[in-house]
Structures are given as C-alpha cells and as structure tokens.
Protein backbone atom coordinates (compact mmCIF):
# COMPACT_ATOMS: atom_id res chain seq x y z
CA MET A 1 0.61 -38.78 53.30
CA ASN A 2 -2.85 -39.08 51.77
CA ALA A 3 -3.85 -41.26 48.82
CA SER A 4 -3.76 -38.44 46.24
CA THR A 5 -0.25 -37.38 47.28
CA GLU A 6 0.98 -40.95 47.33
CA SER A 7 -0.31 -41.62 43.81
CA ARG A 8 1.66 -38.64 42.43
CA LEU A 9 5.00 -39.77 43.85
CA ILE A 10 7.27 -41.77 41.60
CA ASP A 11 10.47 -43.59 42.29
CA PRO A 12 13.52 -41.75 40.98
CA PRO A 13 15.48 -43.53 38.29
CA PRO A 14 18.53 -45.49 39.38
CA PRO A 15 21.79 -43.51 39.48
CA LYS A 16 23.12 -45.40 36.44
CA ASP A 17 20.14 -44.20 34.36
CA ILE A 18 20.64 -40.62 35.56
CA ARG A 19 24.34 -40.72 34.65
CA GLU A 20 23.55 -42.15 31.21
CA SER A 21 20.88 -39.51 30.61
CA LEU A 22 23.19 -36.68 31.64
CA ALA A 23 25.98 -38.09 29.48
CA ALA A 24 23.61 -38.24 26.48
CA ASP A 25 22.46 -34.66 27.13
CA PHE A 26 26.06 -33.47 27.34
CA GLU A 27 26.89 -35.29 24.11
CA ARG A 28 23.98 -33.54 22.34
CA LEU A 29 25.15 -30.16 23.65
CA GLU A 30 28.67 -30.83 22.42
CA LEU A 31 27.37 -31.92 19.02
CA GLY A 32 25.23 -28.78 18.71
CA ASP A 33 28.22 -26.65 19.63
CA ALA A 34 30.32 -28.40 16.96
CA PHE A 35 27.64 -27.70 14.33
CA ILE A 36 27.50 -24.01 15.26
CA ARG A 37 31.27 -23.71 15.09
CA ALA A 38 31.33 -25.56 11.75
CA GLY A 39 28.76 -23.15 10.34
CA LEU A 40 30.81 -20.19 11.52
CA ARG A 41 33.94 -21.77 10.02
CA ILE A 42 32.16 -22.10 6.65
CA ARG A 43 30.84 -18.54 6.83
CA LEU A 44 34.10 -16.91 7.96
CA GLY A 45 36.62 -19.07 6.14
CA PRO A 46 39.20 -21.64 7.16
CA ASP A 47 41.78 -19.17 8.52
CA ALA A 48 39.43 -16.90 10.49
CA ASP A 49 39.29 -16.73 14.27
CA ILE A 50 35.78 -17.99 14.98
CA GLU A 51 35.85 -17.41 18.75
CA PRO A 52 34.68 -13.75 18.60
CA ALA A 53 31.91 -14.73 16.16
CA TYR A 54 30.92 -17.64 18.42
CA ARG A 55 30.73 -15.36 21.48
CA GLN A 56 28.60 -12.88 19.51
CA TRP A 57 26.30 -15.65 18.31
CA ASN A 58 25.98 -16.95 21.87
CA ARG A 59 25.17 -13.47 23.25
CA GLU A 60 22.50 -12.94 20.58
CA PHE A 61 21.05 -16.41 21.20
CA ILE A 62 20.76 -15.76 24.94
CA GLU A 63 19.19 -12.33 24.33
CA ARG A 64 16.61 -13.82 21.92
CA ALA A 65 15.79 -16.57 24.40
CA ALA A 66 15.30 -14.00 27.18
CA GLU A 67 13.07 -11.87 24.95
CA GLU A 68 10.97 -14.90 24.00
CA LYS A 69 10.61 -15.93 27.64
CA ALA A 70 9.57 -12.39 28.62
CA CYS A 71 7.03 -12.38 25.78
CA HIS A 72 5.55 -15.68 27.01
CA PHE A 73 5.33 -14.31 30.57
CA ARG A 74 3.61 -11.13 29.34
CA LYS A 75 1.15 -13.20 27.30
CA ALA A 76 0.43 -15.46 30.27
CA GLU A 77 -0.18 -12.39 32.45
CA CYS A 78 -2.51 -10.88 29.84
CA ASP A 79 -4.37 -14.19 29.56
CA ARG A 80 -4.68 -14.38 33.36
CA VAL A 81 -6.06 -10.82 33.57
CA ALA A 82 -8.53 -11.59 30.78
CA ASP A 83 -9.64 -14.77 32.59
CA ASP A 84 -10.20 -12.78 35.79
CA ARG A 85 -12.67 -10.45 34.08
C-alpha cells in the first residue's frame, strides 16, 4: 500500500453507529410513506381504498426517477463527447 492509497482509507464506523444510521434512514422512509398515504387519503376521501392510488403513484415516481437518471446519463455522455473534441 503506498502513501496516497493509505491516506484515502478511512476506518468504518462502529457497528452501533451503522445500526443507528440505518434505523434513522428507515424511520425517514416510513415517515415519507405516511405523508404520501395521508395526501392520498385527503385527495380520495376517508372511505376510499388508497392502495391502488399508492401503487400508481409509486409506479409513476419510479418511472420519473428512471427518466431523470437517463437524462443525466445522456447529458454526461454529450458533455464527454464535447470535451473530447
């Protein structure tokens, strides 16, 4: 191992810190999910079945995220080609 490689290595956090971080991330995901479901409940009404609307929202969210990622990759490729000129 040379000096430049050694300087880039860091000690991983202790397992307790990793568990706490993952637990906090999971809590944020759960909270976000609860907000989405609450918004659908308000939009559709108290007696509506929100599960189909939630699945549709989730599908659309994933599709938008994939489109945005593809757009970023295309832009990066265009920028790379322009830099090569």
